[in-house]
Amino acid sequence: MIKTIGKKIEAALSLVKPPIRQFEIFASETGLDQTYVIRIVTSSWANMDKARRIAKVESLFSPALSESERERIFRISVLTPKEWETVRPDLIGSKMLRIRSNKATAISVRN
């Protein structure tokens, strides 16, 4: 079911004008009632605060999801690549799945 949700989110993101340049969608299980934390990583809207980014993305895909699909989403994050690199180390060892991407390859930068 989470892959279906990812497809619907990706479809909604593709309708945004101006188009989102690149994004990745990750999901991780919360361990609570088969719910997921959805993380969207994109450099689009980097000048917006996090709350506005989340509200914008939720307004895009929420109408496309059924009630049962919306119930599976515990929380949504919309992160810039820089924010993602600071959060990602904390998630090592968790069951995280990249469910959608419009990037050719995933890139991990190490210093």
PDB file of N, CA and C in Angstrom:
ATOM      1  N   MET A   1       0.806  -1.193   0.000  1.00  0.00           N
ATOM      2  CA  MET A   1       0.000   0.000   0.000  1.00  0.00           C
ATOM      3  C   MET A   1       0.855   1.267   0.000  1.00  0.00           C
ATOM      4  N   ILE A   2       1.995   1.258   0.681  1.00  0.00           N
ATOM      5  CA  ILE A   2       2.824   2.458   0.763  1.00  0.00           C
ATOM      6  C   ILE A   2       3.370   2.853  -0.611  1.00  0.00           C
ATOM      7  N   LYS A   3       3.641   1.875  -1.473  1.00  0.00           N
ATOM      8  CA  LYS A   3       4.113   2.213  -2.821  1.00  0.00           C
ATOM      9  C   LYS A   3       3.010   2.900  -3.630  1.00  0.00           C
ATOM     10  N   THR A   4       1.767   2.490  -3.421  1.00  0.00           N
ATOM     11  CA  THR A   4       0.640   3.145  -4.083  1.00  0.00           C
ATOM     12  C   THR A   4       0.512   4.590  -3.618  1.00  0.00           C
ATOM     13  N   ILE A   5       0.662   4.794  -2.320  1.00  0.00           N
ATOM     14  CA  ILE A   5       0.630   6.152  -1.778  1.00  0.00           C
ATOM     15  C   ILE A   5       1.761   6.976  -2.397  1.00  0.00           C
ATOM     16  N   GLY A   6       2.947   6.388  -2.511  1.00  0.00           N
ATOM     17  CA  GLY A   6       4.086   7.075  -3.128  1.00  0.00           C
ATOM     18  C   GLY A   6       3.811   7.477  -4.564  1.00  0.00           C
ATOM     19  N   LYS A   7       3.172   6.602  -5.325  1.00  0.00           N
ATOM     20  CA  LYS A   7       2.824   6.919  -6.717  1.00  0.00           C
ATOM     21  C   LYS A   7       1.861   8.093  -6.782  1.00  0.00           C
ATOM     22  N   LYS A   8       0.888   8.116  -5.883  1.00  0.00           N
ATOM     23  CA  LYS A   8      -0.087   9.205  -5.876  1.00  0.00           C
ATOM     24  C   LYS A   8       0.562  10.526  -5.477  1.00  0.00           C
ATOM     25  N   ILE A   9       1.476  10.480  -4.516  1.00  0.00           N
ATOM     26  CA  ILE A   9       2.195  11.691  -4.120  1.00  0.00           C
ATOM     27  C   ILE A   9       3.051  12.180  -5.282  1.00  0.00           C
ATOM     28  N   GLU A  10       3.750  11.259  -5.941  1.00  0.00           N
ATOM     29  CA  GLU A  10       4.584  11.638  -7.087  1.00  0.00           C
ATOM     30  C   GLU A  10       3.734  12.270  -8.190  1.00  0.00           C
ATOM     31  N   ALA A  11       2.575  11.701  -8.478  1.00  0.00           N
ATOM     32  CA  ALA A  11       1.696  12.260  -9.500  1.00  0.00           C
ATOM     33  C   ALA A  11       1.252  13.671  -9.140  1.00  0.00           C
ATOM     34  N   ALA A  12       0.930  13.887  -7.875  1.00  0.00           N
ATOM     35  CA  ALA A  12       0.518  15.216  -7.429  1.00  0.00           C
ATOM     36  C   ALA A  12       1.665  16.212  -7.538  1.00  0.00           C
ATOM     37  N   LEU A  13       2.868  15.785  -7.182  1.00  0.00           N
ATOM     38  CA  LEU A  13       4.030  16.677  -7.266  1.00  0.00           C
ATOM     39  C   LEU A  13       4.344  17.048  -8.711  1.00  0.00           C
ATOM     40  N   SER A  14       4.035  16.159  -9.652  1.00  0.00           N
ATOM     41  CA  SER A  14       4.328  16.444 -11.059  1.00  0.00           C
ATOM     42  C   SER A  14       3.392  17.500 -11.639  1.00  0.00           C
ATOM     43  N   LEU A  15       2.286  17.796 -10.958  1.00  0.00           N
ATOM     44  CA  LEU A  15       1.323  18.780 -11.443  1.00  0.00           C
ATOM     45  C   LEU A  15       1.626  20.195 -10.982  1.00  0.00           C
ATOM     46  N   VAL A  16       2.596  20.352 -10.090  1.00  0.00           N
ATOM     47  CA  VAL A  16       2.920  21.663  -9.532  1.00  0.00           C
ATOM     48  C   VAL A  16       3.517  22.554 -10.613  1.00  0.00           C
ATOM     49  N   LYS A  17       3.107  23.808 -10.587  1.00  0.00           N
ATOM     50  CA  LYS A  17       3.670  24.813 -11.484  1.00  0.00           C
ATOM     51  C   LYS A  17       4.309  25.896 -10.631  1.00  0.00           C
ATOM     52  N   PRO A  18       5.544  26.294 -10.832  1.00  0.00           N
ATOM     53  CA  PRO A  18       6.514  25.659 -11.721  1.00  0.00           C
ATOM     54  C   PRO A  18       6.865  24.266 -11.214  1.00  0.00           C
ATOM     55  N   PRO A  19       7.292  23.397 -12.127  1.00  0.00           N
ATOM     56  CA  PRO A  19       7.558  22.002 -11.745  1.00  0.00           C
ATOM     57  C   PRO A  19       8.697  21.870 -10.738  1.00  0.00           C
ATOM     58  N   ILE A  20       8.568  20.848  -9.911  1.00  0.00           N
ATOM     59  CA  ILE A  20       9.623  20.536  -8.955  1.00  0.00           C
ATOM     60  C   ILE A  20      10.770  19.908  -9.743  1.00  0.00           C
ATOM     61  N   ARG A  21      11.964  20.427  -9.548  1.00  0.00           N
ATOM     62  CA  ARG A  21      13.108  19.969 -10.325  1.00  0.00           C
ATOM     63  C   ARG A  21      13.472  18.522 -10.015  1.00  0.00           C
ATOM     64  N   GLN A  22      13.737  18.237  -8.787  1.00  0.00           N
ATOM     65  CA  GLN A  22      14.113  16.886  -8.379  1.00  0.00           C
ATOM     66  C   GLN A  22      13.529  16.609  -7.004  1.00  0.00           C
ATOM     67  N   PHE A  23      13.163  15.367  -6.780  1.00  0.00           N
ATOM     68  CA  PHE A  23      12.682  14.995  -5.457  1.00  0.00           C
ATOM     69  C   PHE A  23      12.867  13.503  -5.241  1.00  0.00           C
ATOM     70  N   GLU A  24      12.887  13.132  -3.981  1.00  0.00           N
ATOM     71  CA  GLU A  24      12.871  11.737  -3.561  1.00  0.00           C
ATOM     72  C   GLU A  24      11.834  11.629  -2.459  1.00  0.00           C
ATOM     73  N   ILE A  25      11.141  10.499  -2.422  1.00  0.00           N
ATOM     74  CA  ILE A  25      10.142  10.267  -1.386  1.00  0.00           C
ATOM     75  C   ILE A  25      10.560   9.028  -0.604  1.00  0.00           C
ATOM     76  N   PHE A  26      10.701   9.193   0.698  1.00  0.00           N
ATOM     77  CA  PHE A  26      11.072   8.094   1.584  1.00  0.00           C
ATOM     78  C   PHE A  26       9.934   7.824   2.560  1.00  0.00           C
ATOM     79  N   ALA A  27       9.794   6.582   2.946  1.00  0.00           N
ATOM     80  CA  ALA A  27       8.800   6.211   3.958  1.00  0.00           C
ATOM     81  C   ALA A  27       9.479   5.343   4.995  1.00  0.00           C
ATOM     82  N   SER A  28       9.140   5.581   6.238  1.00  0.00           N
ATOM     83  CA  SER A  28       9.645   4.714   7.309  1.00  0.00           C
ATOM     84  C   SER A  28       8.488   4.364   8.228  1.00  0.00           C
ATOM     85  N   GLU A  29       8.462   3.111   8.643  1.00  0.00           N
ATOM     86  CA  GLU A  29       7.403   2.634   9.518  1.00  0.00           C
ATOM     87  C   GLU A  29       7.553   3.253  10.904  1.00  0.00           C
ATOM     88  N   THR A  30       6.433   3.580  11.513  1.00  0.00           N
ATOM     89  CA  THR A  30       6.472   4.140  12.855  1.00  0.00           C
ATOM     90  C   THR A  30       6.387   3.056  13.921  1.00  0.00           C
ATOM     91  N   GLY A  31       5.831   1.899  13.544  1.00  0.00           N
ATOM     92  CA  GLY A  31       5.596   0.846  14.521  1.00  0.00           C
ATOM     93  C   GLY A  31       4.239   0.989  15.205  1.00  0.00           C
ATOM     94  N   LEU A  32       3.476   1.984  14.794  1.00  0.00           N
ATOM     95  CA  LEU A  32       2.148   2.235  15.355  1.00  0.00           C
ATOM     96  C   LEU A  32       1.082   2.002  14.287  1.00  0.00           C
ATOM     97  N   ASP A  33       0.314   0.960  14.423  1.00  0.00           N
ATOM     98  CA  ASP A  33      -0.837   0.705  13.550  1.00  0.00           C
ATOM     99  C   ASP A  33      -0.522   0.795  12.055  1.00  0.00           C
ATOM    100  N   GLN A  34       0.601   0.307  11.645  1.00  0.00           N
ATOM    101  CA  GLN A  34       1.004   0.311  10.234  1.00  0.00           C
ATOM    102  C   GLN A  34       0.952   1.710   9.620  1.00  0.00           C
ATOM    103  N   THR A  35       1.466   2.690  10.357  1.00  0.00           N
ATOM    104  CA  THR A  35       1.547   4.054   9.839  1.00  0.00           C
ATOM    105  C   THR A  35       2.981   4.368   9.433  1.00  0.00           C
ATOM    106  N   TYR A  36       3.127   5.394   8.619  1.00  0.00           N
ATOM    107  CA  TYR A  36       4.424   5.752   8.059  1.00  0.00           C
ATOM    108  C   TYR A  36       4.708   7.235   8.216  1.00  0.00           C
ATOM    109  N   VAL A  37       5.972   7.549   8.349  1.00  0.00           N
ATOM    110  CA  VAL A  37       6.450   8.921   8.231  1.00  0.00           C
ATOM    111  C   VAL A  37       6.916   9.053   6.788  1.00  0.00           C
ATOM    112  N   ILE A  38       6.368  10.022   6.084  1.00  0.00           N
ATOM    113  CA  ILE A  38       6.734  10.280   4.689  1.00  0.00           C
ATOM    114  C   ILE A  38       7.677  11.469   4.683  1.00  0.00           C
ATOM    115  N   ARG A  39       8.826  11.291   4.033  1.00  0.00           N
ATOM    116  CA  ARG A  39       9.793  12.388   3.899  1.00  0.00           C
ATOM    117  C   ARG A  39      10.019  12.660   2.425  1.00  0.00           C
ATOM    118  N   ILE A  40       9.782  13.892   2.025  1.00  0.00           N
ATOM    119  CA  ILE A  40      10.004  14.325   0.652  1.00  0.00           C
ATOM    120  C   ILE A  40      11.219  15.231   0.681  1.00  0.00           C
ATOM    121  N   VAL A  41      12.212  14.877  -0.115  1.00  0.00           N
ATOM    122  CA  VAL A  41      13.459  15.639  -0.164  1.00  0.00           C
ATOM    123  C   VAL A  41      13.529  16.346  -1.514  1.00  0.00           C
ATOM    124  N   THR A  42      13.564  17.667  -1.475  1.00  0.00           N
ATOM    125  CA  THR A  42      13.633  18.462  -2.699  1.00  0.00           C
ATOM    126  C   THR A  42      14.268  19.814  -2.399  1.00  0.00           C
ATOM    127  N   SER A  43      14.930  20.360  -3.389  1.00  0.00           N
ATOM    128  CA  SER A  43      15.492  21.709  -3.220  1.00  0.00           C
ATOM    129  C   SER A  43      14.452  22.778  -3.570  1.00  0.00           C
ATOM    130  N   SER A  44      13.330  22.362  -4.150  1.00  0.00           N
ATOM    131  CA  SER A  44      12.247  23.314  -4.429  1.00  0.00           C
ATOM    132  C   SER A  44      11.688  23.832  -3.116  1.00  0.00           C
ATOM    133  N   TRP A  45      11.271  25.056  -3.112  1.00  0.00           N
ATOM    134  CA  TRP A  45      10.674  25.712  -1.944  1.00  0.00           C
ATOM    135  C   TRP A  45      11.645  25.832  -0.775  1.00  0.00           C
ATOM    136  N   ALA A  46      12.940  25.805  -1.030  1.00  0.00           N
ATOM    137  CA  ALA A  46      13.935  25.908   0.046  1.00  0.00           C
ATOM    138  C   ALA A  46      13.818  27.231   0.796  1.00  0.00           C
ATOM    139  N   ASN A  47      13.270  28.260   0.140  1.00  0.00           N
ATOM    140  CA  ASN A  47      13.135  29.556   0.795  1.00  0.00           C
ATOM    141  C   ASN A  47      11.899  29.637   1.689  1.00  0.00           C
ATOM    142  N   MET A  48      11.037  28.622   1.656  1.00  0.00           N
ATOM    143  CA  MET A  48       9.857  28.581   2.535  1.00  0.00           C
ATOM    144  C   MET A  48      10.220  27.928   3.859  1.00  0.00           C
ATOM    145  N   ASP A  49       9.488  28.290   4.906  1.00  0.00           N
ATOM    146  CA  ASP A  49       9.700  27.594   6.169  1.00  0.00           C
ATOM    147  C   ASP A  49       9.070  26.200   6.070  1.00  0.00           C
ATOM    148  N   LYS A  50       9.471  25.317   6.970  1.00  0.00           N
ATOM    149  CA  LYS A  50       9.046  23.913   6.909  1.00  0.00           C
ATOM    150  C   LYS A  50       7.534  23.751   6.956  1.00  0.00           C
ATOM    151  N   ALA A  51       6.870  24.495   7.804  1.00  0.00           N
ATOM    152  CA  ALA A  51       5.411  24.365   7.947  1.00  0.00           C
ATOM    153  C   ALA A  51       4.699  24.707   6.639  1.00  0.00           C
ATOM    154  N   ARG A  52       5.150  25.737   5.948  1.00  0.00           N
ATOM    155  CA  ARG A  52       4.527  26.112   4.670  1.00  0.00           C
ATOM    156  C   ARG A  52       4.797  25.065   3.597  1.00  0.00           C
ATOM    157  N   ARG A  53       6.013  24.488   3.595  1.00  0.00           N
ATOM    158  CA  ARG A  53       6.318  23.421   2.628  1.00  0.00           C
ATOM    159  C   ARG A  53       5.397  22.227   2.833  1.00  0.00           C
ATOM    160  N   ILE A  54       5.246  21.830   4.094  1.00  0.00           N
ATOM    161  CA  ILE A  54       4.406  20.676   4.416  1.00  0.00           C
ATOM    162  C   ILE A  54       2.955  20.949   4.024  1.00  0.00           C
ATOM    163  N   ALA A  55       2.454  22.125   4.358  1.00  0.00           N
ATOM    164  CA  ALA A  55       1.070  22.474   4.021  1.00  0.00           C
ATOM    165  C   ALA A  55       0.855  22.467   2.508  1.00  0.00           C
ATOM    166  N   LYS A  56       1.824  22.972   1.782  1.00  0.00           N
ATOM    167  CA  LYS A  56       1.723  23.014   0.319  1.00  0.00           C
ATOM    168  C   LYS A  56       1.652  21.595  -0.257  1.00  0.00           C
ATOM    169  N   VAL A  57       2.534  20.728   0.197  1.00  0.00           N
ATOM    170  CA  VAL A  57       2.575  19.361  -0.319  1.00  0.00           C
ATOM    171  C   VAL A  57       1.308  18.604   0.081  1.00  0.00           C
ATOM    172  N   GLU A  58       0.881  18.747   1.333  1.00  0.00           N
ATOM    173  CA  GLU A  58      -0.345  18.060   1.771  1.00  0.00           C
ATOM    174  C   GLU A  58      -1.551  18.507   0.964  1.00  0.00           C
ATOM    175  N   SER A  59      -1.642  19.788   0.654  1.00  0.00           N
ATOM    176  CA  SER A  59      -2.783  20.276  -0.127  1.00  0.00           C
ATOM    177  C   SER A  59      -2.760  19.728  -1.551  1.00  0.00           C
ATOM    178  N   LEU A  60      -1.575  19.391  -2.047  1.00  0.00           N
ATOM    179  CA  LEU A  60      -1.458  18.837  -3.395  1.00  0.00           C
ATOM    180  C   LEU A  60      -1.935  17.392  -3.477  1.00  0.00           C
ATOM    181  N   PHE A  61      -1.505  16.563  -2.535  1.00  0.00           N
ATOM    182  CA  PHE A  61      -1.802  15.141  -2.686  1.00  0.00           C
ATOM    183  C   PHE A  61      -2.958  14.622  -1.846  1.00  0.00           C
ATOM    184  N   SER A  62      -3.359  15.358  -0.840  1.00  0.00           N
ATOM    185  CA  SER A  62      -4.427  14.875   0.034  1.00  0.00           C
ATOM    186  C   SER A  62      -5.716  14.532  -0.723  1.00  0.00           C
ATOM    187  N   PRO A  63      -6.158  15.349  -1.682  1.00  0.00           N
ATOM    188  CA  PRO A  63      -7.376  14.986  -2.414  1.00  0.00           C
ATOM    189  C   PRO A  63      -7.238  13.694  -3.235  1.00  0.00           C
ATOM    190  N   ALA A  64      -6.024  13.333  -3.582  1.00  0.00           N
ATOM    191  CA  ALA A  64      -5.805  12.136  -4.402  1.00  0.00           C
ATOM    192  C   ALA A  64      -5.789  10.848  -3.586  1.00  0.00           C
ATOM    193  N   LEU A  65      -5.666  10.963  -2.263  1.00  0.00           N
ATOM    194  CA  LEU A  65      -5.585   9.780  -1.415  1.00  0.00           C
ATOM    195  C   LEU A  65      -6.945   9.428  -0.823  1.00  0.00           C
ATOM    196  N   SER A  66      -7.179   8.146  -0.677  1.00  0.00           N
ATOM    197  CA  SER A  66      -8.396   7.697  -0.013  1.00  0.00           C
ATOM    198  C   SER A  66      -8.252   7.933   1.497  1.00  0.00           C
ATOM    199  N   GLU A  67      -9.353   7.814   2.198  1.00  0.00           N
ATOM    200  CA  GLU A  67      -9.338   7.987   3.653  1.00  0.00           C
ATOM    201  C   GLU A  67      -8.391   6.979   4.312  1.00  0.00           C
ATOM    202  N   SER A  68      -8.433   5.725   3.874  1.00  0.00           N
ATOM    203  CA  SER A  68      -7.562   4.702   4.481  1.00  0.00           C
ATOM    204  C   SER A  68      -6.095   4.969   4.175  1.00  0.00           C
ATOM    205  N   GLU A  69      -5.787   5.533   3.008  1.00  0.00           N
ATOM    206  CA  GLU A  69      -4.399   5.885   2.681  1.00  0.00           C
ATOM    207  C   GLU A  69      -3.936   7.053   3.547  1.00  0.00           C
ATOM    208  N   ARG A  70      -4.792   8.051   3.730  1.00  0.00           N
ATOM    209  CA  ARG A  70      -4.428   9.191   4.593  1.00  0.00           C
ATOM    210  C   ARG A  70      -4.208   8.737   6.028  1.00  0.00           C
ATOM    211  N   GLU A  71      -4.970   7.762   6.481  1.00  0.00           N
ATOM    212  CA  GLU A  71      -4.806   7.246   7.847  1.00  0.00           C
ATOM    213  C   GLU A  71      -3.465   6.540   8.035  1.00  0.00           C
ATOM    214  N   ARG A  72      -2.867   6.068   6.964  1.00  0.00           N
ATOM    215  CA  ARG A  72      -1.565   5.397   7.046  1.00  0.00           C
ATOM    216  C   ARG A  72      -0.413   6.367   7.200  1.00  0.00           C
ATOM    217  N   ILE A  73      -0.642   7.636   6.939  1.00  0.00           N
ATOM    218  CA  ILE A  73       0.415   8.649   7.042  1.00  0.00           C
ATOM    219  C   ILE A  73       0.381   9.257   8.431  1.00  0.00           C
ATOM    220  N   PHE A  74       1.421   8.967   9.205  1.00  0.00           N
ATOM    221  CA  PHE A  74       1.532   9.491  10.566  1.00  0.00           C
ATOM    222  C   PHE A  74       1.986  10.951  10.540  1.00  0.00           C
ATOM    223  N   ARG A  75       2.975  11.227   9.680  1.00  0.00           N
ATOM    224  CA  ARG A  75       3.560  12.568   9.617  1.00  0.00           C
ATOM    225  C   ARG A  75       4.223  12.747   8.262  1.00  0.00           C
ATOM    226  N   ILE A  76       4.317  14.000   7.830  1.00  0.00           N
ATOM    227  CA  ILE A  76       4.971  14.336   6.569  1.00  0.00           C
ATOM    228  C   ILE A  76       6.071  15.344   6.859  1.00  0.00           C
ATOM    229  N   SER A  77       7.200  15.163   6.205  1.00  0.00           N
ATOM    230  CA  SER A  77       8.280  16.146   6.254  1.00  0.00           C
ATOM    231  C   SER A  77       8.644  16.509   4.825  1.00  0.00           C
ATOM    232  N   VAL A  78       8.926  17.773   4.594  1.00  0.00           N
ATOM    233  CA  VAL A  78       9.445  18.225   3.304  1.00  0.00           C
ATOM    234  C   VAL A  78      10.775  18.890   3.622  1.00  0.00           C
ATOM    235  N   LEU A  79      11.843  18.223   3.206  1.00  0.00           N
ATOM    236  CA  LEU A  79      13.196  18.637   3.578  1.00  0.00           C
ATOM    237  C   LEU A  79      14.015  19.055   2.362  1.00  0.00           C
ATOM    238  N   THR A  80      14.900  20.009   2.571  1.00  0.00           N
ATOM    239  CA  THR A  80      15.882  20.332   1.544  1.00  0.00           C
ATOM    240  C   THR A  80      16.976  19.253   1.604  1.00  0.00           C
ATOM    241  N   PRO A  81      17.774  19.100   0.548  1.00  0.00           N
ATOM    242  CA  PRO A  81      18.863  18.118   0.608  1.00  0.00           C
ATOM    243  C   PRO A  81      19.813  18.362   1.790  1.00  0.00           C
ATOM    244  N   LYS A  82      20.071  19.607   2.116  1.00  0.00           N
ATOM    245  CA  LYS A  82      20.957  19.920   3.247  1.00  0.00           C
ATOM    246  C   LYS A  82      20.317  19.465   4.566  1.00  0.00           C
ATOM    247  N   GLU A  83      19.025  19.740   4.744  1.00  0.00           N
ATOM    248  CA  GLU A  83      18.322  19.283   5.942  1.00  0.00           C
ATOM    249  C   GLU A  83      18.305  17.758   6.004  1.00  0.00           C
ATOM    250  N   TRP A  84      18.117  17.122   4.856  1.00  0.00           N
ATOM    251  CA  TRP A  84      18.078  15.660   4.783  1.00  0.00           C
ATOM    252  C   TRP A  84      19.402  15.062   5.246  1.00  0.00           C
ATOM    253  N   GLU A  85      20.504  15.655   4.843  1.00  0.00           N
ATOM    254  CA  GLU A  85      21.814  15.131   5.233  1.00  0.00           C
ATOM    255  C   GLU A  85      22.051  15.247   6.735  1.00  0.00           C
ATOM    256  N   THR A  86      21.399  16.192   7.392  1.00  0.00           N
ATOM    257  CA  THR A  86      21.548  16.281   8.848  1.00  0.00           C
ATOM    258  C   THR A  86      20.633  15.296   9.574  1.00  0.00           C
ATOM    259  N   VAL A  87      19.490  14.958   8.977  1.00  0.00           N
ATOM    260  CA  VAL A  87      18.532  14.028   9.589  1.00  0.00           C
ATOM    261  C   VAL A  87      18.896  12.578   9.300  1.00  0.00           C
ATOM    262  N   ARG A  88      19.394  12.331   8.126  1.00  0.00           N
ATOM    263  CA  ARG A  88      19.641  10.961   7.650  1.00  0.00           C
ATOM    264  C   ARG A  88      20.511  10.107   8.576  1.00  0.00           C
ATOM    265  N   PRO A  89      21.610  10.618   9.134  1.00  0.00           N
ATOM    266  CA  PRO A  89      22.421   9.769  10.031  1.00  0.00           C
ATOM    267  C   PRO A  89      21.642   9.238  11.228  1.00  0.00           C
ATOM    268  N   ASP A  90      20.661  10.008  11.698  1.00  0.00           N
ATOM    269  CA  ASP A  90      19.842   9.565  12.832  1.00  0.00           C
ATOM    270  C   ASP A  90      18.923   8.407  12.461  1.00  0.00           C
ATOM    271  N   LEU A  91      18.711   8.202  11.172  1.00  0.00           N
ATOM    272  CA  LEU A  91      17.780   7.179  10.714  1.00  0.00           C
ATOM    273  C   LEU A  91      18.470   5.873  10.324  1.00  0.00           C
ATOM    274  N   ILE A  92      19.783   5.835  10.415  1.00  0.00           N
ATOM    275  CA  ILE A  92      20.517   4.617  10.070  1.00  0.00           C
ATOM    276  C   ILE A  92      20.046   3.498  10.991  1.00  0.00           C
ATOM    277  N   GLY A  93      19.725   2.384  10.399  1.00  0.00           N
ATOM    278  CA  GLY A  93      19.242   1.244  11.169  1.00  0.00           C
ATOM    279  C   GLY A  93      17.731   1.157  11.210  1.00  0.00           C
ATOM    280  N   SER A  94      17.045   2.245  10.825  1.00  0.00           N
ATOM    281  CA  SER A  94      15.583   2.190  10.787  1.00  0.00           C
ATOM    282  C   SER A  94      15.151   1.592   9.451  1.00  0.00           C
ATOM    283  N   LYS A  95      13.945   1.094   9.415  1.00  0.00           N
ATOM    284  CA  LYS A  95      13.417   0.516   8.187  1.00  0.00           C
ATOM    285  C   LYS A  95      12.854   1.636   7.323  1.00  0.00           C
ATOM    286  N   MET A  96      13.732   2.182   6.472  1.00  0.00           N
ATOM    287  CA  MET A  96      13.331   3.266   5.606  1.00  0.00           C
ATOM    288  C   MET A  96      13.369   2.777   4.166  1.00  0.00           C
ATOM    289  N   LEU A  97      12.389   3.182   3.409  1.00  0.00           N
ATOM    290  CA  LEU A  97      12.245   2.735   2.039  1.00  0.00           C
ATOM    291  C   LEU A  97      12.125   3.945   1.125  1.00  0.00           C
ATOM    292  N   ARG A  98      12.953   3.978   0.077  1.00  0.00           N
ATOM    293  CA  ARG A  98      12.780   5.030  -0.924  1.00  0.00           C
ATOM    294  C   ARG A  98      11.668   4.552  -1.833  1.00  0.00           C
ATOM    295  N   ILE A  99      10.525   5.230  -1.782  1.00  0.00           N
ATOM    296  CA  ILE A  99       9.376   4.737  -2.520  1.00  0.00           C
ATOM    297  C   ILE A  99       9.203   5.387  -3.884  1.00  0.00           C
ATOM    298  N   ARG A 100       9.694   6.585  -4.071  1.00  0.00           N
ATOM    299  CA  ARG A 100       9.603   7.218  -5.386  1.00  0.00           C
ATOM    300  C   ARG A 100      10.761   8.193  -5.529  1.00  0.00           C
ATOM    301  N   SER A 101      11.132   8.439  -6.779  1.00  0.00           N
ATOM    302  CA  SER A 101      12.192   9.403  -7.047  1.00  0.00           C
ATOM    303  C   SER A 101      12.133   9.818  -8.503  1.00  0.00           C
ATOM    304  N   ASN A 102      12.398  11.069  -8.779  1.00  0.00           N
ATOM    305  CA  ASN A 102      12.568  11.481 -10.161  1.00  0.00           C
ATOM    306  C   ASN A 102      14.033  11.809 -10.436  1.00  0.00           C
ATOM    307  N   LYS A 103      14.901  11.373  -9.516  1.00  0.00           N
ATOM    308  CA  LYS A 103      16.343  11.526  -9.700  1.00  0.00           C
ATOM    309  C   LYS A 103      16.876  10.281 -10.388  1.00  0.00           C
ATOM    310  N   ALA A 104      17.892  10.458 -11.211  1.00  0.00           N
ATOM    311  CA  ALA A 104      18.480   9.306 -11.898  1.00  0.00           C
ATOM    312  C   ALA A 104      19.146   8.359 -10.916  1.00  0.00           C
ATOM    313  N   THR A 105      19.869   8.911  -9.965  1.00  0.00           N
ATOM    314  CA  THR A 105      20.535   8.087  -8.954  1.00  0.00           C
ATOM    315  C   THR A 105      20.476   8.789  -7.615  1.00  0.00           C
ATOM    316  N   ALA A 106      20.523   8.024  -6.575  1.00  0.00           N
ATOM    317  CA  ALA A 106      20.594   8.606  -5.230  1.00  0.00           C
ATOM    318  C   ALA A 106      22.046   8.923  -4.932  1.00  0.00           C
ATOM    319  N   ILE A 107      22.296  10.066  -4.382  1.00  0.00           N
ATOM    320  CA  ILE A 107      23.671  10.480  -4.104  1.00  0.00           C
ATOM    321  C   ILE A 107      23.816  10.708  -2.605  1.00  0.00           C
ATOM    322  N   SER A 108      24.822  10.116  -2.048  1.00  0.00           N
ATOM    323  CA  SER A 108      25.127  10.337  -0.639  1.00  0.00           C
ATOM    324  C   SER A 108      26.488  11.014  -0.570  1.00  0.00           C
ATOM    325  N   VAL A 109      26.518  12.169   0.051  1.00  0.00           N
ATOM    326  CA  VAL A 109      27.755  12.936   0.132  1.00  0.00           C
ATOM    327  C   VAL A 109      28.341  12.747   1.524  1.00  0.00           C
ATOM    328  N   ARG A 110      29.592  12.373   1.568  1.00  0.00           N
ATOM    329  CA  ARG A 110      30.296  12.229   2.850  1.00  0.00           C
ATOM    330  C   ARG A 110      31.449  13.214   2.899  1.00  0.00           C
ATOM    331  N   ASN A 111      31.637  13.807   4.053  1.00  0.00           N
ATOM    332  CA  ASN A 111      32.753  14.747   4.219  1.00  0.00           C
ATOM    333  C   ASN A 111      33.941  14.043   4.805  1.00  0.00           C
TER     334      ASN A 111
END
